[in-house]
């Protein structure tokens, strides 16, 4: 049964390769590669390396040039290390020995890459399964009589990676702690007149100091109208008084990433329409979380699509109460169903409620990044409703005879002229076994709600308006981040 982790401090994920070997029914050997650092320019300038997620899942190795060979019958892991020339020790640092690598990463054996072909040749012929990107290289290494396939492994690994081990959850919690602290440092540092890239710099510095050195994806920091751009990465705008600042940012802990969105007032207080819009999105998220947390009674568990629908109903009701939807079009008892049928909600929330999270920000499963069936224990998902005033979508809605009667375009345009762009609130949650909340010591765990364990809440990241305002009144002290993980 999945346990609720109480601390982000943990060893490397505990042998997910064991689960992979149990699930992989085709037999034979598996071969995966970390990849190489991408070249930036010249002959010796590279971007920072980030190992392939499938490789990290099996090995935990974050270094470039490594490979892994897994025997599916025994779960025996052979780590394949690049044989580096002696001078690398004074160019990039000391090169670990094979024994040191075996101890650090829990490998059963470590060999150099120039020994791999001989290692395979000494074995009886077998099927060798790899990922599509490595197939050509592996075919050259495989001895005569071996069959190399690249169409089976990824399917099995996607299914396995959707269900997180306790070790993986601990890494995700650590990423949430570091990322959440960095979010709150941005709130403390924020003041009108700053540029968006300056706030992003605060997040980067703070998360790195807290032990999470790499972003899991390009951070989104949008102030005022820029908050209405879903994947805004320019970071060139100026934070102005009265703006809401939307930040969607997460850092990696051992390659496992957080994905947290918070929206906060540039001047330190939620006021007027900004307060109303924030309250509407927060209520929508609460509706989704409540539905996901409820135990299944006499039927299947809820799906993420169920949570999405619940959030959209609350969202539309809140937009009506704000005056963004016309009262004459929303007076009947069935107006919500009619509005959803017309896809009115998509004008204000064009994205889905969430997705899998793990080694990739849009993590994998056998159904893709978004789970299709009932929520299952071990799933880690984002829950991220939002509401935005997006000029192109409002212009399209004006010409749609099914949608236009619902929208008060004058009210929407007035708020846009005032600089209101949008709100998104995003938490990361673990789905627990049905009985997990009844385990001894678990009921009092911060972040626990029914069959959900909210990693973002457990990391101490507030979202209630009064709590956000309280953090913003605090002095930003960079030294606190420097000491956070000492």
Protein backbone atom coordinates (compact mmCIF):
# COMPACT_ATOMS: atom_id res chain seq x y z
CA UNK A 1 0.00 0.00 0.00
CA UNK A 2 1.33 3.44 -0.87
CA UNK A 3 2.54 5.30 2.19
CA UNK A 4 2.40 9.04 2.70
CA UNK A 5 6.00 10.29 2.87
CA UNK A 6 6.69 12.59 5.80
CA UNK A 7 10.04 13.93 4.61
CA UNK A 8 11.52 14.82 1.21
CA UNK A 9 14.85 13.34 2.29
CA UNK A 10 15.18 9.92 0.69
CA UNK A 11 17.57 7.69 -1.21
CA UNK A 12 17.35 7.31 -4.95
CA UNK A 13 14.07 5.76 -6.18
CA UNK A 14 14.00 2.15 -5.05
CA UNK A 15 14.53 -0.14 -8.03
CA UNK A 16 11.68 0.83 -10.38
CA UNK A 17 13.43 -1.61 -12.73
CA UNK A 18 11.99 -4.44 -10.61
CA UNK A 19 8.47 -3.30 -11.49
CA UNK A 20 9.51 -2.93 -15.12
CA UNK A 21 10.85 -6.49 -15.22
CA UNK A 22 7.66 -7.85 -13.65
CA UNK A 23 5.56 -6.03 -16.25
CA UNK A 24 7.75 -6.76 -19.27
CA UNK A 25 6.51 -10.10 -20.55
CA UNK A 26 8.46 -10.27 -23.81
CA UNK A 27 11.62 -11.53 -22.11
CA UNK A 28 15.20 -10.89 -23.16
CA UNK A 29 17.39 -7.92 -22.33
CA UNK A 30 16.65 -4.20 -22.18
CA UNK A 31 19.12 -1.53 -23.25
CA UNK A 32 18.72 2.18 -22.49
CA UNK A 33 20.96 5.23 -22.87
CA UNK A 34 21.35 8.50 -20.98
CA UNK A 35 22.13 10.49 -24.12
CA UNK A 36 24.80 13.11 -24.62
CA UNK A 37 24.92 16.78 -23.65
CA UNK A 38 23.64 18.78 -26.65
CA UNK A 39 26.26 20.90 -28.36
CA UNK A 40 25.74 24.65 -28.02
CA UNK A 41 28.53 25.97 -30.26
CA UNK A 42 32.09 25.22 -31.23
CA UNK A 43 33.73 21.90 -30.47
CA UNK A 44 33.62 21.96 -26.69
CA UNK A 45 30.73 24.15 -25.50
CA UNK A 46 27.63 22.22 -24.49
CA UNK A 47 24.27 22.84 -22.94
CA UNK A 48 23.76 21.35 -19.49
CA UNK A 49 23.11 17.62 -19.78
CA UNK A 50 19.83 16.13 -18.64
CA UNK A 51 19.64 12.35 -18.90
CA UNK A 52 16.82 10.69 -20.81
CA UNK A 53 13.85 10.13 -18.51
CA UNK A 54 13.49 6.43 -19.35
CA UNK A 55 17.15 5.91 -18.49
CA UNK A 56 16.86 7.80 -15.19
CA UNK A 57 13.80 5.75 -14.30
CA UNK A 58 15.85 2.55 -14.43
CA UNK A 59 19.23 3.79 -13.14
CA UNK A 60 18.99 7.16 -11.38
CA UNK A 61 22.11 8.21 -13.32
CA UNK A 62 22.19 11.86 -14.39
CA UNK A 63 25.52 11.75 -16.24
CA UNK A 64 25.99 11.87 -20.04
CA UNK A 65 27.22 8.99 -22.14
CA UNK A 66 26.03 6.13 -19.92
CA UNK A 67 24.00 3.07 -20.86
CA UNK A 68 22.16 0.34 -18.99
CA UNK A 69 21.55 -3.33 -19.71
CA UNK A 70 18.75 -5.04 -17.77
CA UNK A 71 18.07 -8.79 -17.70
CA UNK A 72 14.29 -9.09 -17.47
CA UNK A 73 14.46 -12.57 -15.94
CA UNK A 74 16.67 -11.60 -12.98
CA UNK A 75 16.37 -7.76 -12.90
CA UNK A 76 20.18 -7.78 -13.02
CA UNK A 77 21.37 -4.25 -13.89
CA UNK A 78 24.61 -3.70 -15.77
CA UNK A 79 25.59 -0.04 -15.91
CA UNK A 80 27.64 0.87 -19.00
CA UNK A 81 30.06 3.74 -18.35
CA UNK A 82 31.97 5.75 -20.95
CA UNK A 83 35.72 5.09 -20.81
CA UNK A 84 37.00 8.63 -20.33
CA UNK A 85 40.59 9.65 -21.09
CA UNK A 86 42.84 10.48 -18.15
CA UNK A 87 42.91 14.19 -18.95
CA UNK A 88 39.16 14.46 -18.30
CA UNK A 89 39.97 14.38 -14.59
CA UNK A 90 41.49 17.85 -14.78
CA UNK A 91 39.04 19.24 -17.36
CA UNK A 92 35.77 18.18 -15.75
CA UNK A 93 36.71 16.59 -12.43
CA UNK A 94 37.59 13.24 -10.93
CA UNK A 95 36.30 10.21 -12.83
CA UNK A 96 34.71 7.62 -10.48
CA UNK A 97 35.87 4.01 -10.56
CA UNK A 98 33.60 1.19 -11.68
CA UNK A 99 33.24 -0.02 -8.08
CA UNK A 100 32.28 3.46 -6.93
CA UNK A 101 29.65 3.69 -9.66
CA UNK A 102 28.21 0.31 -8.70
CA UNK A 103 27.91 1.37 -5.07
CA UNK A 104 26.46 4.80 -5.83
CA UNK A 105 23.77 3.62 -8.24
CA UNK A 106 23.06 0.12 -6.92
CA UNK A 107 24.15 -1.59 -10.13
CA UNK A 108 24.92 -5.29 -10.06
CA UNK A 109 27.84 -4.73 -12.42
CA UNK A 110 29.51 -1.81 -14.18
CA UNK A 111 31.46 -2.16 -17.44
CA UNK A 112 32.98 0.28 -19.90
CA UNK A 113 31.15 0.99 -23.13
CA UNK A 114 33.93 -0.60 -25.23
CA UNK A 115 33.28 -3.87 -23.37
CA UNK A 116 29.56 -4.03 -24.14
CA UNK A 117 29.81 -5.85 -27.47
CA UNK A 118 31.99 -8.56 -25.91
CA UNK A 119 29.62 -8.87 -22.98
CA UNK A 120 26.70 -9.50 -25.33
CA UNK A 121 28.71 -11.93 -27.48
CA UNK A 122 29.45 -14.07 -24.41
CA UNK A 123 25.73 -14.60 -23.77
CA UNK A 124 23.32 -16.93 -25.58
CA UNK A 125 21.40 -15.14 -28.31
CA UNK A 126 18.31 -13.32 -27.09
CA UNK A 127 15.91 -10.52 -27.89
CA UNK A 128 17.37 -7.09 -27.16
CA UNK A 129 14.74 -4.42 -26.57
CA UNK A 130 15.52 -0.72 -26.75
CA UNK A 131 13.88 2.62 -27.51
CA UNK A 132 13.49 3.90 -31.08
CA UNK A 133 16.23 6.50 -30.74
CA UNK A 134 18.83 3.86 -29.84
CA UNK A 135 17.78 1.11 -32.27
CA UNK A 136 20.36 1.77 -35.01
CA UNK A 137 23.26 1.86 -32.54
CA UNK A 138 22.08 -1.30 -30.76
CA UNK A 139 21.73 -3.20 -34.03
CA UNK A 140 25.41 -2.56 -34.72
CA UNK A 141 26.36 -3.85 -31.26
CA UNK A 142 24.14 -6.94 -31.24
CA UNK A 143 25.88 -10.21 -32.12
CA UNK A 144 24.69 -12.36 -35.01
CA UNK A 145 21.51 -14.21 -34.15
CA UNK A 146 20.19 -11.56 -31.77
CA UNK A 147 16.92 -9.81 -32.54
CA UNK A 148 16.71 -6.07 -31.80
CA UNK A 149 13.26 -4.55 -31.29
CA UNK A 150 12.23 -0.97 -30.52
CA UNK A 151 8.43 -1.18 -30.56
CA UNK A 152 7.71 -2.87 -27.22
CA UNK A 153 9.84 -1.35 -24.47
CA UNK A 154 8.43 2.18 -24.46
CA UNK A 155 4.85 0.88 -24.20
CA UNK A 156 5.68 -1.13 -21.09
CA UNK A 157 7.77 1.65 -19.55
CA UNK A 158 5.01 4.20 -20.09
CA UNK A 159 2.60 1.96 -18.20
CA UNK A 160 5.07 1.42 -15.35
CA UNK A 161 6.06 5.07 -15.03
CA UNK A 162 2.42 6.09 -14.51
CA UNK A 163 2.40 4.38 -11.10
CA UNK A 164 4.96 5.98 -8.81
CA UNK A 165 6.94 4.11 -6.16
CA UNK A 166 7.32 5.52 -2.65
CA UNK A 167 10.87 6.57 -3.55
CA UNK A 168 9.64 8.46 -6.59
CA UNK A 169 6.96 10.20 -4.53
CA UNK A 170 9.63 11.26 -2.03
CA UNK A 171 11.62 12.83 -4.89
CA UNK A 172 8.49 14.63 -6.11
CA UNK A 173 7.83 15.90 -2.59
CA UNK A 174 11.40 17.19 -2.37
CA UNK A 175 10.91 18.96 -5.71
CA UNK A 176 7.71 20.50 -4.34
CA UNK A 177 9.45 21.71 -1.18
CA UNK A 178 12.22 23.40 -3.17
CA UNK A 179 9.88 24.79 -5.82
CA UNK A 180 7.29 25.95 -3.30
CA UNK A 181 9.91 27.81 -1.30
CA UNK A 182 11.08 29.48 -4.50
CA UNK A 183 7.51 30.51 -5.37
CA UNK A 184 7.11 32.16 -1.97
CA UNK A 185 10.44 33.95 -2.34
CA UNK A 186 9.07 35.49 -5.55
CA UNK A 187 6.05 36.76 -3.64
CA UNK A 188 8.29 38.32 -1.00
CA UNK A 189 10.55 39.90 -3.63
CA UNK A 190 7.75 41.21 -5.85
CA UNK A 191 7.05 44.92 -6.16
CA UNK A 192 5.70 47.09 -8.97
CA UNK A 193 8.41 48.12 -11.40
CA UNK A 194 10.24 44.80 -11.52
CA UNK A 195 10.57 42.95 -14.80
CA UNK A 196 9.18 39.46 -15.21
CA UNK A 197 12.66 38.06 -15.83
CA UNK A 198 13.76 39.42 -12.45
CA UNK A 199 11.07 37.38 -10.71
CA UNK A 200 12.11 34.34 -12.72
CA UNK A 201 15.68 34.93 -11.55
CA UNK A 202 14.47 34.84 -7.94
CA UNK A 203 12.80 31.49 -8.58
CA UNK A 204 15.91 30.08 -10.24
CA UNK A 205 18.24 31.23 -7.48
CA UNK A 206 15.94 30.09 -4.69
CA UNK A 207 15.17 26.65 -6.10
CA UNK A 208 18.85 25.99 -6.84
CA UNK A 209 19.82 27.00 -3.31
CA UNK A 210 17.15 24.62 -2.00
CA UNK A 211 18.71 21.64 -3.75
CA UNK A 212 16.77 21.60 -7.03
CA UNK A 213 19.27 22.95 -9.58
CA UNK A 214 17.34 22.57 -12.84
CA UNK A 215 13.90 23.72 -13.99
CA UNK A 216 11.58 20.94 -15.08
CA UNK A 217 10.33 23.16 -17.91
CA UNK A 218 10.72 26.81 -18.99
CA UNK A 219 9.19 28.95 -16.21
CA UNK A 220 6.11 31.02 -17.02
CA UNK A 221 5.99 34.43 -15.35
CA UNK A 222 3.22 36.61 -16.73
CA UNK A 223 2.16 39.91 -15.21
CA UNK A 224 -1.18 41.53 -16.03
CA UNK A 225 -2.21 40.84 -19.65
CA UNK A 226 0.67 38.37 -20.07
CA UNK A 227 -1.05 36.06 -17.59
CA UNK A 228 -3.55 35.32 -20.37
CA UNK A 229 -0.85 33.64 -22.49
CA UNK A 230 -0.85 29.96 -21.60
CA UNK A 231 2.83 29.16 -22.21
CA UNK A 232 4.29 32.65 -21.91
CA UNK A 233 8.09 32.42 -21.80
CA UNK A 234 9.23 35.84 -23.06
CA UNK A 235 9.48 37.28 -19.51
CA UNK A 236 9.93 40.79 -20.91
CA UNK A 237 6.98 42.58 -19.31
CA UNK A 238 6.93 44.98 -16.37
CA UNK A 239 5.07 44.23 -13.16
CA UNK A 240 2.62 47.06 -12.59
CA UNK A 241 0.56 48.06 -9.56
CA UNK A 242 -2.84 46.35 -9.74
CA UNK A 243 -1.56 43.46 -11.85
CA UNK A 244 -1.98 39.83 -10.97
CA UNK A 245 1.23 37.90 -11.61
CA UNK A 246 0.78 34.31 -12.78
CA UNK A 247 3.76 32.01 -12.24
CA UNK A 248 3.87 28.41 -13.45
CA UNK A 249 7.26 27.03 -12.43
CA UNK A 250 8.74 23.84 -11.06
CA UNK A 251 12.27 22.60 -10.40
CA UNK A 252 13.65 19.08 -10.54
CA UNK A 253 14.88 16.95 -7.66
CA UNK A 254 16.91 14.05 -9.08
CA UNK A 255 15.13 14.67 -12.39
CA UNK A 256 11.63 14.47 -10.85
CA UNK A 257 9.87 17.78 -11.34
CA UNK A 258 7.29 19.80 -9.50
CA UNK A 259 4.69 21.70 -11.55
CA UNK A 260 3.22 24.46 -9.39
CA UNK A 261 1.17 27.47 -10.47
CA UNK A 262 0.32 30.36 -8.22
CA UNK A 263 -1.12 33.79 -8.96
CA UNK A 264 -0.44 36.72 -6.64
CA UNK A 265 -1.16 40.48 -6.57
CA UNK A 266 1.75 42.70 -7.53
CA UNK A 267 0.82 45.24 -4.87
CA UNK A 268 0.37 42.67 -2.12
CA UNK A 269 -3.45 42.63 -1.83
CA UNK A 270 -6.20 40.92 -3.81
CA UNK A 271 -8.78 43.56 -4.63
CA UNK A 272 -11.84 44.06 -6.80
CA UNK A 273 -12.29 41.89 -9.88
CA UNK A 274 -8.87 40.29 -9.35
CA UNK A 275 -10.04 39.04 -5.98
CA UNK A 276 -13.27 37.73 -7.47
CA UNK A 277 -11.52 35.93 -10.31
CA UNK A 278 -8.98 34.37 -7.96
CA UNK A 279 -11.76 33.20 -5.64
CA UNK A 280 -13.60 31.66 -8.58
CA UNK A 281 -10.56 29.66 -9.71
CA UNK A 282 -9.77 28.57 -6.17
CA UNK A 283 -13.36 27.34 -5.72
CA UNK A 284 -13.10 25.45 -9.02
CA UNK A 285 -9.92 23.73 -7.84
CA UNK A 286 -11.53 22.82 -4.52
CA UNK A 287 -14.44 21.22 -6.37
CA UNK A 288 -12.06 19.15 -8.49
CA UNK A 289 -9.97 18.07 -5.51
CA UNK A 290 -13.05 17.12 -3.48
CA UNK A 291 -14.34 14.93 -6.28
CA UNK A 292 -10.96 13.26 -6.78
CA UNK A 293 -10.53 12.69 -3.05
CA UNK A 294 -13.89 11.03 -2.48
CA UNK A 295 -13.78 7.23 -2.10
CA UNK A 296 -15.54 5.19 -4.75
CA UNK A 297 -18.82 3.88 -3.33
CA UNK A 298 -20.52 1.14 -5.29
CA UNK A 299 -18.81 2.06 -8.56
CA UNK A 300 -15.56 3.02 -10.25
CA UNK A 301 -13.32 5.75 -8.91
CA UNK A 302 -13.55 9.25 -10.34
CA UNK A 303 -11.66 10.15 -13.48
CA UNK A 304 -9.71 13.30 -14.24
CA UNK A 305 -12.42 14.11 -16.79
CA UNK A 306 -14.97 14.05 -13.94
CA UNK A 307 -12.84 16.53 -12.00
CA UNK A 308 -12.50 18.70 -15.10
CA UNK A 309 -16.28 18.91 -15.51
CA UNK A 310 -16.80 19.71 -11.85
CA UNK A 311 -14.27 22.53 -12.00
CA UNK A 312 -15.80 24.00 -15.16
CA UNK A 313 -19.28 24.15 -13.63
CA UNK A 314 -17.97 26.08 -10.63
CA UNK A 315 -15.90 28.29 -12.92
CA UNK A 316 -18.86 29.29 -15.06
CA UNK A 317 -20.99 30.01 -12.00
CA UNK A 318 -18.28 32.27 -10.63
CA UNK A 319 -17.88 34.09 -13.94
CA UNK A 320 -21.63 34.70 -13.98
CA UNK A 321 -21.49 36.11 -10.46
CA UNK A 322 -18.65 38.43 -11.56
CA UNK A 323 -20.82 39.81 -14.36
CA UNK A 324 -18.78 38.32 -17.18
CA UNK A 325 -21.77 36.22 -18.25
CA UNK A 326 -25.16 37.75 -19.00
CA UNK A 327 -27.83 37.16 -16.39
CA UNK A 328 -30.55 36.84 -19.03
CA UNK A 329 -28.71 33.91 -20.61
CA UNK A 330 -27.92 32.20 -17.31
CA UNK A 331 -31.23 32.38 -15.51
CA UNK A 332 -32.68 28.97 -16.29
CA UNK A 333 -32.08 25.83 -14.25
CA UNK A 334 -30.29 24.14 -17.16
CA UNK A 335 -28.09 27.02 -18.26
CA UNK A 336 -24.88 25.36 -17.08
CA UNK A 337 -25.49 22.28 -19.20
CA UNK A 338 -26.31 24.45 -22.20
CA UNK A 339 -23.18 26.54 -21.65
CA UNK A 340 -20.96 23.47 -21.39
CA UNK A 341 -22.55 21.97 -24.51
CA UNK A 342 -21.71 25.21 -26.35
CA UNK A 343 -18.14 25.03 -24.95
CA UNK A 344 -18.48 28.42 -23.32
CA UNK A 345 -16.04 27.29 -20.66
CA UNK A 346 -13.32 26.89 -23.29
CA UNK A 347 -13.41 30.64 -23.94
CA UNK A 348 -12.14 31.24 -20.41
CA UNK A 349 -10.27 27.99 -19.72
CA UNK A 350 -8.90 26.53 -22.95
CA UNK A 351 -6.70 23.91 -21.27
CA UNK A 352 -7.51 20.75 -19.36
CA UNK A 353 -7.57 20.31 -15.59
CA UNK A 354 -4.33 18.34 -15.36
CA UNK A 355 -1.94 15.60 -16.42
CA UNK A 356 0.50 13.00 -15.13
CA UNK A 357 3.63 14.33 -13.42
CA UNK A 358 6.97 12.67 -12.75
CA UNK A 359 10.28 12.56 -14.58
CA UNK A 360 8.61 14.64 -17.30
CA UNK A 361 6.35 17.59 -16.58
CA UNK A 362 3.77 16.01 -18.89
CA UNK A 363 4.62 12.53 -17.78
CA UNK A 364 3.86 9.32 -19.62
CA UNK A 365 1.32 6.54 -19.20
CA UNK A 366 -0.20 3.93 -21.47
CA UNK A 367 -2.94 6.49 -22.24
CA UNK A 368 -0.60 9.43 -22.77
CA UNK A 369 0.01 12.43 -20.48
CA UNK A 370 -3.66 12.67 -19.47
CA UNK A 371 -5.19 9.63 -17.71
CA UNK A 372 -8.32 8.37 -19.43
CA UNK A 373 -9.75 5.92 -16.91
CA UNK A 374 -10.41 5.92 -13.16
CA UNK A 375 -7.74 7.48 -10.99
CA UNK A 376 -5.44 4.74 -9.72
CA UNK A 377 -3.22 4.51 -6.63
CA UNK A 378 0.27 5.73 -7.43
CA UNK A 379 -0.81 8.30 -10.01
CA UNK A 380 0.71 11.73 -9.43
CA UNK A 381 -1.35 14.37 -11.20
CA UNK A 382 -1.59 18.12 -11.53
CA UNK A 383 -4.87 19.86 -10.73
CA UNK A 384 -4.73 23.26 -12.41
CA UNK A 385 -7.92 25.13 -13.24
CA UNK A 386 -7.59 28.64 -14.60
CA UNK A 387 -9.64 31.54 -15.89
CA UNK A 388 -8.31 34.02 -18.42
CA UNK A 389 -9.40 36.96 -20.53
CA UNK A 390 -7.91 35.97 -23.87
CA UNK A 391 -8.57 38.50 -26.64
CA UNK A 392 -8.48 36.03 -29.60
CA UNK A 393 -10.87 33.62 -27.88
CA UNK A 394 -13.26 36.40 -26.93
CA UNK A 395 -13.18 37.67 -30.52
CA UNK A 396 -14.00 34.19 -31.78
CA UNK A 397 -16.77 33.85 -29.20
CA UNK A 398 -18.35 37.08 -30.43
CA UNK A 399 -18.97 35.43 -33.81
CA UNK A 400 -20.18 32.09 -32.43
CA UNK A 401 -24.01 32.10 -32.27
CA UNK A 402 -24.03 29.43 -29.54
CA UNK A 403 -21.53 31.21 -27.28
CA UNK A 404 -22.03 34.93 -27.91
CA UNK A 405 -25.39 35.25 -26.08
CA UNK A 406 -23.75 34.14 -22.83
CA UNK A 407 -20.85 36.62 -22.72
CA UNK A 408 -20.90 40.22 -21.56
CA UNK A 409 -18.17 41.38 -23.88
CA UNK A 410 -18.24 44.92 -22.54
CA UNK A 411 -17.51 43.71 -19.02
CA UNK A 412 -14.69 41.49 -20.26
CA UNK A 413 -13.11 44.28 -22.29
CA UNK A 414 -13.28 46.68 -19.33
CA UNK A 415 -11.36 44.23 -17.16
CA UNK A 416 -8.78 43.67 -19.89
CA UNK A 417 -8.26 47.43 -20.22
CA UNK A 418 -7.57 47.45 -16.50
CA UNK A 419 -4.77 44.94 -16.96
CA UNK A 420 -6.49 41.76 -15.75
CA UNK A 421 -5.12 38.77 -17.63
CA UNK A 422 -5.90 35.61 -15.73
CA UNK A 423 -5.47 33.27 -12.80
CA UNK A 424 -4.16 29.71 -12.55
CA UNK A 425 -3.80 27.68 -9.36
CA UNK A 426 -2.02 24.34 -9.68
CA UNK A 427 -1.28 21.65 -7.12
CA UNK A 428 0.40 18.26 -7.50
CA UNK A 429 -1.45 15.33 -5.89
CA UNK A 430 -0.77 11.66 -5.27
CA UNK A 431 -3.67 9.21 -5.51
CA UNK A 432 -3.59 6.84 -2.53
CA UNK A 433 -5.05 3.42 -1.92
CA UNK A 434 -8.60 3.67 -0.65
CA UNK A 435 -7.57 2.74 2.89
CA UNK A 436 -4.40 4.81 3.11
CA UNK A 437 -6.03 7.72 4.95
CA UNK A 438 -6.95 5.34 7.74
CA UNK A 439 -3.41 4.16 8.39
CA UNK A 440 -1.88 4.96 11.76
CA UNK A 441 -0.16 8.33 11.73
CA UNK A 442 -1.36 9.25 8.27
CA UNK A 443 -4.61 11.02 9.09
CA UNK A 444 -2.75 14.02 10.53
CA UNK A 445 -0.32 14.31 7.61
CA UNK A 446 -0.40 17.80 6.06
CA UNK A 447 -1.83 17.66 2.57
CA UNK A 448 -4.00 14.59 3.10
CA UNK A 449 -7.56 14.80 1.77
CA UNK A 450 -9.46 11.54 1.47
CA UNK A 451 -7.64 9.40 -1.05
CA UNK A 452 -5.43 12.29 -2.18
CA UNK A 453 -2.10 13.40 -0.78
CA UNK A 454 -1.48 16.97 -1.94
CA UNK A 455 2.29 17.32 -2.36
CA UNK A 456 2.02 21.08 -2.86
CA UNK A 457 0.10 21.60 0.36
CA UNK A 458 2.43 19.18 2.19
CA UNK A 459 5.33 21.35 1.00
CA UNK A 460 3.72 24.33 2.73
CA UNK A 461 2.73 26.36 -0.33
CA UNK A 462 -0.36 28.43 0.52
CA UNK A 463 -3.11 29.45 -1.86
CA UNK A 464 -5.77 31.05 0.36
CA UNK A 465 -5.76 34.76 -0.40
CA UNK A 466 -5.07 35.87 3.18
CA UNK A 467 -2.13 33.44 3.43
CA UNK A 468 -0.63 34.61 0.14
CA UNK A 469 -0.93 38.23 1.28
CA UNK A 470 0.73 37.34 4.59
CA UNK A 471 3.75 35.85 2.81
CA UNK A 472 3.97 38.92 0.59
CA UNK A 473 4.23 41.15 3.67
CA UNK A 474 7.34 39.27 4.76
CA UNK A 475 10.80 40.56 3.96
CA UNK A 476 12.61 38.68 1.21
CA UNK A 477 15.89 37.43 2.62
CA UNK A 478 17.99 35.56 0.04
CA UNK A 479 20.14 34.19 2.84
CA UNK A 480 17.15 32.10 3.98
CA UNK A 481 17.20 30.26 0.65
CA UNK A 482 20.97 29.83 0.87
CA UNK A 483 20.54 28.13 4.24
CA UNK A 484 17.41 26.14 3.36
CA UNK A 485 19.14 22.88 2.46
CA UNK A 486 22.30 23.14 4.55
